[in-house]
Structures are given as structure tokens and as C-alpha cells.
């Protein structure tokens, strides 16, 4: 499932950046996301804020009959994620979190 993660300051606001992923499921509000990159010592850590679904339907009728099998499609799924400090956050990510006044992950992730 193609999902765009959009990274925003705590409490929301203008997006800092975004990354596209092929995920097995849609992250839900409150989930923690950790991103590791091969050229980076440490991780980028986030808490899911909300999910934005953009759907498209092929006609403009406000209703359909029971024998009509017309279906809409998913145009895009955008998951809004807030910056958060994790145990293994990179120094660059920690600085970004401090600039935003971001909180930390809960002490236990299990």
C-alpha cells in the first residue's frame, strides 16, 4: 500500500518534509514510527498524528442502486507524523526535535 508520510512539528503546522513508503498497513494515530537510513548514525522518530484519505468516485450521482457495482478508488493516503525523540535518535534529529520543542517516546516501546 503506497503511503506518503508527512513530517510536521508537534501540534501540526507546515510540513518539514515527506517520504513515500510501501507499507503493509496504514499507521494509526498514536503509533510510533522509526526510520533508519544507511548513511545515518541513529534514527528519525515520529508519532502519528492523523491520516488523510483522498478518495475518488467515477460518477457524480449522490447514490447508487443495489445492482450497480461501480466502486471508487483510493487516490492517496497521507499520514501526518510529528517529530519525537527516540532512544536511538540521530543527533541531527534530536536538534530538530529541540527546535520544535518535541517530546520523547515513552520509556518502554514494548
N, C-alpha and C. Protein backbone atom coordinates (compact mmCIF):
# COMPACT_ATOMS: atom_id res chain seq x y z
N UNK A 1 0.86 -1.17 0.00
CA UNK A 1 0.00 0.00 0.00
C UNK A 1 0.91 1.23 0.00
N UNK A 2 0.74 2.08 -0.99
CA UNK A 2 1.57 3.28 -1.08
C UNK A 2 1.05 4.34 -0.12
N UNK A 3 1.95 4.81 0.73
CA UNK A 3 1.60 5.79 1.75
C UNK A 3 2.67 6.88 1.78
N UNK A 4 2.23 8.11 1.83
CA UNK A 4 3.17 9.23 1.99
C UNK A 4 3.16 9.64 3.45
N UNK A 5 4.32 9.63 4.09
CA UNK A 5 4.47 10.14 5.45
C UNK A 5 4.90 11.59 5.36
N UNK A 6 4.15 12.47 6.01
CA UNK A 6 4.46 13.90 6.03
C UNK A 6 4.85 14.26 7.45
N UNK A 7 5.99 14.91 7.61
CA UNK A 7 6.55 15.19 8.93
C UNK A 7 6.35 16.65 9.30
N UNK A 8 5.65 16.86 10.43
CA UNK A 8 5.27 18.19 10.89
C UNK A 8 5.75 18.41 12.33
N UNK A 9 5.81 19.68 12.76
CA UNK A 9 6.16 19.96 14.15
C UNK A 9 5.08 19.42 15.10
N UNK A 10 5.41 19.24 16.37
CA UNK A 10 4.40 18.81 17.35
C UNK A 10 3.22 19.79 17.33
N UNK A 11 2.01 19.25 17.33
CA UNK A 11 0.81 20.07 17.27
C UNK A 11 0.38 20.39 15.86
N UNK A 12 1.17 19.98 14.86
CA UNK A 12 0.83 20.22 13.46
C UNK A 12 1.49 21.48 12.94
N UNK A 13 1.14 21.83 11.73
CA UNK A 13 1.73 23.00 11.10
C UNK A 13 2.29 22.65 9.74
N UNK A 14 3.13 23.52 9.23
CA UNK A 14 3.70 23.34 7.90
C UNK A 14 4.62 22.12 7.86
N UNK A 15 4.49 21.34 6.82
CA UNK A 15 5.30 20.13 6.67
C UNK A 15 6.77 20.48 6.52
N UNK A 16 7.62 19.72 7.21
CA UNK A 16 9.07 19.87 7.10
C UNK A 16 9.55 19.13 5.85
N UNK A 17 9.13 17.88 5.70
CA UNK A 17 9.44 17.09 4.51
C UNK A 17 8.51 15.89 4.47
N UNK A 18 8.60 15.09 3.42
CA UNK A 18 7.78 13.89 3.31
C UNK A 18 8.58 12.78 2.64
N UNK A 19 8.16 11.54 2.90
CA UNK A 19 8.78 10.36 2.30
C UNK A 19 7.67 9.39 1.91
N UNK A 20 7.85 8.69 0.80
CA UNK A 20 6.88 7.71 0.34
C UNK A 20 7.35 6.30 0.71
N UNK A 21 6.41 5.47 1.15
CA UNK A 21 6.70 4.10 1.55
C UNK A 21 5.64 3.15 1.00
N UNK A 22 6.04 1.90 0.82
CA UNK A 22 5.10 0.82 0.52
C UNK A 22 4.93 0.08 1.84
N UNK A 23 3.79 0.25 2.50
CA UNK A 23 3.55 -0.30 3.83
C UNK A 23 2.50 -1.42 3.79
N UNK A 24 2.59 -2.38 4.72
CA UNK A 24 1.59 -3.45 4.76
C UNK A 24 0.26 -3.01 5.38
N UNK A 25 0.25 -1.88 6.09
CA UNK A 25 -0.96 -1.37 6.74
C UNK A 25 -0.81 0.14 6.93
N UNK A 26 -1.91 0.80 7.24
CA UNK A 26 -1.90 2.24 7.46
C UNK A 26 -1.61 2.51 8.93
N UNK A 27 -0.56 3.28 9.25
CA UNK A 27 -0.32 3.64 10.65
C UNK A 27 -1.50 4.43 11.21
N UNK A 28 -1.78 4.21 12.51
CA UNK A 28 -2.90 4.88 13.16
C UNK A 28 -2.40 5.95 14.12
N UNK A 29 -3.27 6.89 14.45
CA UNK A 29 -2.92 7.95 15.39
C UNK A 29 -2.39 7.33 16.68
N UNK A 30 -1.27 7.86 17.14
CA UNK A 30 -0.63 7.36 18.35
C UNK A 30 0.48 6.36 18.09
N UNK A 31 0.54 5.78 16.89
CA UNK A 31 1.63 4.84 16.57
C UNK A 31 2.95 5.59 16.51
N UNK A 32 4.03 4.87 16.83
CA UNK A 32 5.38 5.41 16.70
C UNK A 32 6.00 4.89 15.42
N UNK A 33 6.74 5.74 14.74
CA UNK A 33 7.44 5.36 13.51
C UNK A 33 8.91 5.72 13.68
N UNK A 34 9.77 4.77 13.38
CA UNK A 34 11.22 4.98 13.40
C UNK A 34 11.76 4.70 12.01
N UNK A 35 12.53 5.63 11.50
CA UNK A 35 13.11 5.49 10.17
C UNK A 35 14.63 5.41 10.31
N UNK A 36 15.21 4.36 9.74
CA UNK A 36 16.67 4.19 9.71
C UNK A 36 17.14 4.41 8.28
N UNK A 37 18.26 5.09 8.15
CA UNK A 37 18.84 5.33 6.82
C UNK A 37 20.27 4.78 6.82
N UNK A 38 20.71 4.26 5.69
CA UNK A 38 22.02 3.60 5.65
C UNK A 38 23.19 4.54 5.92
N UNK A 39 23.07 5.81 5.62
CA UNK A 39 24.19 6.75 5.78
C UNK A 39 24.08 7.59 7.05
N UNK A 40 23.27 7.17 7.99
CA UNK A 40 23.00 7.97 9.18
C UNK A 40 23.21 7.15 10.45
N UNK A 41 23.90 7.74 11.40
CA UNK A 41 24.08 7.10 12.70
C UNK A 41 22.91 7.52 13.58
N UNK A 42 22.03 6.60 13.89
CA UNK A 42 20.82 6.90 14.65
C UNK A 42 19.61 6.91 13.74
N UNK A 43 18.47 7.20 14.33
CA UNK A 43 17.20 7.11 13.61
C UNK A 43 16.46 8.44 13.61
N UNK A 44 15.39 8.49 12.82
CA UNK A 44 14.44 9.60 12.83
C UNK A 44 13.17 9.03 13.42
N UNK A 45 12.61 9.67 14.42
CA UNK A 45 11.49 9.10 15.17
C UNK A 45 10.30 10.06 15.17
N UNK A 46 9.11 9.47 15.05
CA UNK A 46 7.90 10.27 14.91
C UNK A 46 6.73 9.58 15.58
N UNK A 47 5.72 10.38 15.89
CA UNK A 47 4.46 9.86 16.42
C UNK A 47 3.37 10.24 15.42
N UNK A 48 2.53 9.26 15.03
CA UNK A 48 1.48 9.51 14.05
C UNK A 48 0.41 10.42 14.65
N UNK A 49 0.09 11.46 13.93
CA UNK A 49 -0.91 12.44 14.36
C UNK A 49 -2.28 12.13 13.77
N UNK A 50 -2.35 11.94 12.45
CA UNK A 50 -3.62 11.63 11.78
C UNK A 50 -3.33 11.11 10.39
N UNK A 51 -4.38 10.56 9.77
CA UNK A 51 -4.28 10.06 8.39
C UNK A 51 -5.28 10.80 7.53
N UNK A 52 -4.84 11.23 6.35
CA UNK A 52 -5.67 11.92 5.38
C UNK A 52 -5.90 10.97 4.20
N UNK A 53 -7.15 10.64 3.94
CA UNK A 53 -7.53 9.77 2.82
C UNK A 53 -8.11 10.64 1.71
N UNK A 54 -7.64 10.47 0.48
CA UNK A 54 -8.25 11.12 -0.67
C UNK A 54 -8.82 10.02 -1.55
N UNK A 55 -10.15 10.04 -1.69
CA UNK A 55 -10.86 9.02 -2.45
C UNK A 55 -11.43 9.63 -3.72
N UNK A 56 -11.61 8.79 -4.73
CA UNK A 56 -12.16 9.26 -5.99
C UNK A 56 -13.28 8.32 -6.43
N UNK A 57 -14.42 8.91 -6.83
CA UNK A 57 -15.54 8.10 -7.30
C UNK A 57 -15.80 8.46 -8.76
N UNK A 58 -16.07 7.46 -9.64
CA UNK A 58 -16.13 7.71 -11.09
C UNK A 58 -17.37 8.44 -11.62
N UNK A 59 -18.38 8.67 -10.80
CA UNK A 59 -19.51 9.45 -11.29
C UNK A 59 -20.00 10.40 -10.21
N UNK A 60 -20.90 11.31 -10.61
CA UNK A 60 -21.35 12.35 -9.68
C UNK A 60 -22.71 12.08 -9.06
N UNK A 61 -23.26 10.90 -9.26
CA UNK A 61 -24.56 10.57 -8.67
C UNK A 61 -24.42 10.49 -7.14
N UNK A 62 -25.36 11.08 -6.38
CA UNK A 62 -25.26 11.06 -4.92
C UNK A 62 -25.60 9.71 -4.30
N UNK A 63 -26.11 8.79 -5.10
CA UNK A 63 -26.49 7.47 -4.60
C UNK A 63 -26.29 6.46 -5.72
N UNK A 64 -26.37 5.19 -5.40
CA UNK A 64 -26.32 4.16 -6.44
C UNK A 64 -27.30 3.05 -6.08
N UNK A 65 -27.79 2.35 -7.08
CA UNK A 65 -28.74 1.27 -6.85
C UNK A 65 -27.99 0.01 -6.42
N UNK A 66 -28.72 -0.92 -5.85
CA UNK A 66 -28.08 -2.13 -5.32
C UNK A 66 -27.46 -3.00 -6.41
N UNK A 67 -27.91 -2.88 -7.65
CA UNK A 67 -27.32 -3.68 -8.72
C UNK A 67 -26.15 -2.97 -9.42
N UNK A 68 -25.83 -1.78 -8.99
CA UNK A 68 -24.70 -1.02 -9.56
C UNK A 68 -23.42 -1.41 -8.83
N UNK A 69 -22.46 -1.96 -9.55
CA UNK A 69 -21.21 -2.42 -8.92
C UNK A 69 -20.07 -1.40 -9.05
N UNK A 70 -20.40 -0.18 -9.42
CA UNK A 70 -19.38 0.86 -9.54
C UNK A 70 -18.72 1.09 -8.18
N UNK A 71 -17.39 1.15 -8.20
CA UNK A 71 -16.64 1.40 -6.96
C UNK A 71 -15.68 2.55 -7.14
N UNK A 72 -15.42 3.23 -6.06
CA UNK A 72 -14.43 4.28 -6.05
C UNK A 72 -13.04 3.70 -5.81
N UNK A 73 -12.04 4.56 -5.87
CA UNK A 73 -10.66 4.13 -5.65
C UNK A 73 -9.97 5.08 -4.67
N UNK A 74 -8.87 4.61 -4.13
CA UNK A 74 -8.05 5.44 -3.26
C UNK A 74 -7.10 6.23 -4.14
N UNK A 75 -7.16 7.54 -4.06
CA UNK A 75 -6.27 8.40 -4.84
C UNK A 75 -4.95 8.59 -4.10
N UNK A 76 -5.02 8.82 -2.78
CA UNK A 76 -3.79 8.95 -1.99
C UNK A 76 -4.08 8.74 -0.51
N UNK A 77 -3.04 8.32 0.20
CA UNK A 77 -3.10 8.18 1.66
C UNK A 77 -1.90 8.94 2.21
N UNK A 78 -2.17 9.93 3.03
CA UNK A 78 -1.11 10.73 3.63
C UNK A 78 -1.20 10.60 5.15
N UNK A 79 -0.10 10.20 5.77
CA UNK A 79 -0.05 10.04 7.22
C UNK A 79 0.79 11.18 7.79
N UNK A 80 0.17 11.99 8.62
CA UNK A 80 0.83 13.13 9.25
C UNK A 80 1.55 12.65 10.51
N UNK A 81 2.85 12.91 10.60
CA UNK A 81 3.68 12.43 11.71
C UNK A 81 4.38 13.60 12.38
N UNK A 82 4.35 13.63 13.71
CA UNK A 82 5.03 14.68 14.48
C UNK A 82 6.42 14.22 14.88
N UNK A 83 7.36 15.14 14.90
CA UNK A 83 8.71 14.84 15.37
C UNK A 83 8.67 14.41 16.83
N UNK A 84 9.47 13.41 17.18
CA UNK A 84 9.61 12.95 18.57
C UNK A 84 11.02 12.41 18.76
N UNK A 85 11.55 12.55 19.96
CA UNK A 85 12.88 11.99 20.27
C UNK A 85 12.73 10.56 20.72
N UNK A 86 13.53 9.70 20.11
CA UNK A 86 13.57 8.30 20.49
C UNK A 86 14.89 7.96 21.16
N UNK A 87 14.99 6.78 21.70
CA UNK A 87 16.21 6.33 22.39
C UNK A 87 17.41 6.38 21.45
N UNK A 88 17.20 6.03 20.19
CA UNK A 88 18.31 5.96 19.24
C UNK A 88 18.28 7.06 18.19
N UNK A 89 17.60 8.16 18.48
CA UNK A 89 17.52 9.26 17.51
C UNK A 89 18.90 9.79 17.17
N UNK A 90 19.08 10.15 15.90
CA UNK A 90 20.35 10.74 15.46
C UNK A 90 20.51 12.13 16.09
N UNK A 91 21.73 12.61 16.12
CA UNK A 91 21.98 13.94 16.69
C UNK A 91 21.25 15.01 15.88
N UNK A 92 21.23 14.87 14.57
CA UNK A 92 20.52 15.84 13.73
C UNK A 92 19.02 15.83 14.04
N UNK A 93 18.45 14.63 14.23
CA UNK A 93 17.02 14.54 14.55
C UNK A 93 16.75 15.13 15.93
N UNK A 94 17.63 14.87 16.89
CA UNK A 94 17.45 15.45 18.24
C UNK A 94 17.46 16.97 18.18
N UNK A 95 18.37 17.55 17.36
CA UNK A 95 18.41 19.01 17.23
C UNK A 95 17.10 19.54 16.63
N UNK A 96 16.58 18.85 15.63
CA UNK A 96 15.30 19.26 15.03
C UNK A 96 14.20 19.20 16.08
N UNK A 97 14.17 18.14 16.88
CA UNK A 97 13.17 17.99 17.94
C UNK A 97 13.27 19.11 18.96
N UNK A 98 14.49 19.45 19.35
CA UNK A 98 14.68 20.54 20.32
C UNK A 98 14.18 21.86 19.74
N UNK A 99 14.44 22.10 18.46
CA UNK A 99 13.98 23.32 17.80
C UNK A 99 12.46 23.41 17.78
N UNK A 100 11.80 22.26 17.67
CA UNK A 100 10.34 22.21 17.64
C UNK A 100 9.75 22.07 19.05
N UNK A 101 10.57 21.81 20.05
CA UNK A 101 10.05 21.55 21.39
C UNK A 101 9.33 20.21 21.46
N UNK A 102 9.82 19.25 20.69
CA UNK A 102 9.18 17.93 20.61
C UNK A 102 9.45 17.11 21.86
N UNK A 103 8.47 16.31 22.23
CA UNK A 103 8.60 15.41 23.36
C UNK A 103 9.34 14.13 22.98
N UNK A 104 9.43 13.24 23.94
CA UNK A 104 10.13 11.98 23.73
C UNK A 104 9.14 10.83 23.65
N UNK A 105 9.59 9.72 23.04
CA UNK A 105 8.82 8.50 23.07
C UNK A 105 8.66 8.07 24.52
N UNK A 106 7.66 7.26 24.80
CA UNK A 106 7.53 6.69 26.14
C UNK A 106 8.75 5.84 26.42
N UNK A 107 9.12 5.68 27.70
CA UNK A 107 10.33 4.96 28.07
C UNK A 107 10.38 3.55 27.54
N UNK A 108 9.26 2.85 27.50
CA UNK A 108 9.22 1.47 27.02
C UNK A 108 8.51 1.44 25.68
N UNK A 109 9.10 0.72 24.74
CA UNK A 109 8.44 0.57 23.45
C UNK A 109 7.92 -0.85 23.28
N UNK A 110 7.82 -1.58 24.38
CA UNK A 110 7.33 -2.96 24.33
C UNK A 110 6.03 -3.10 25.09
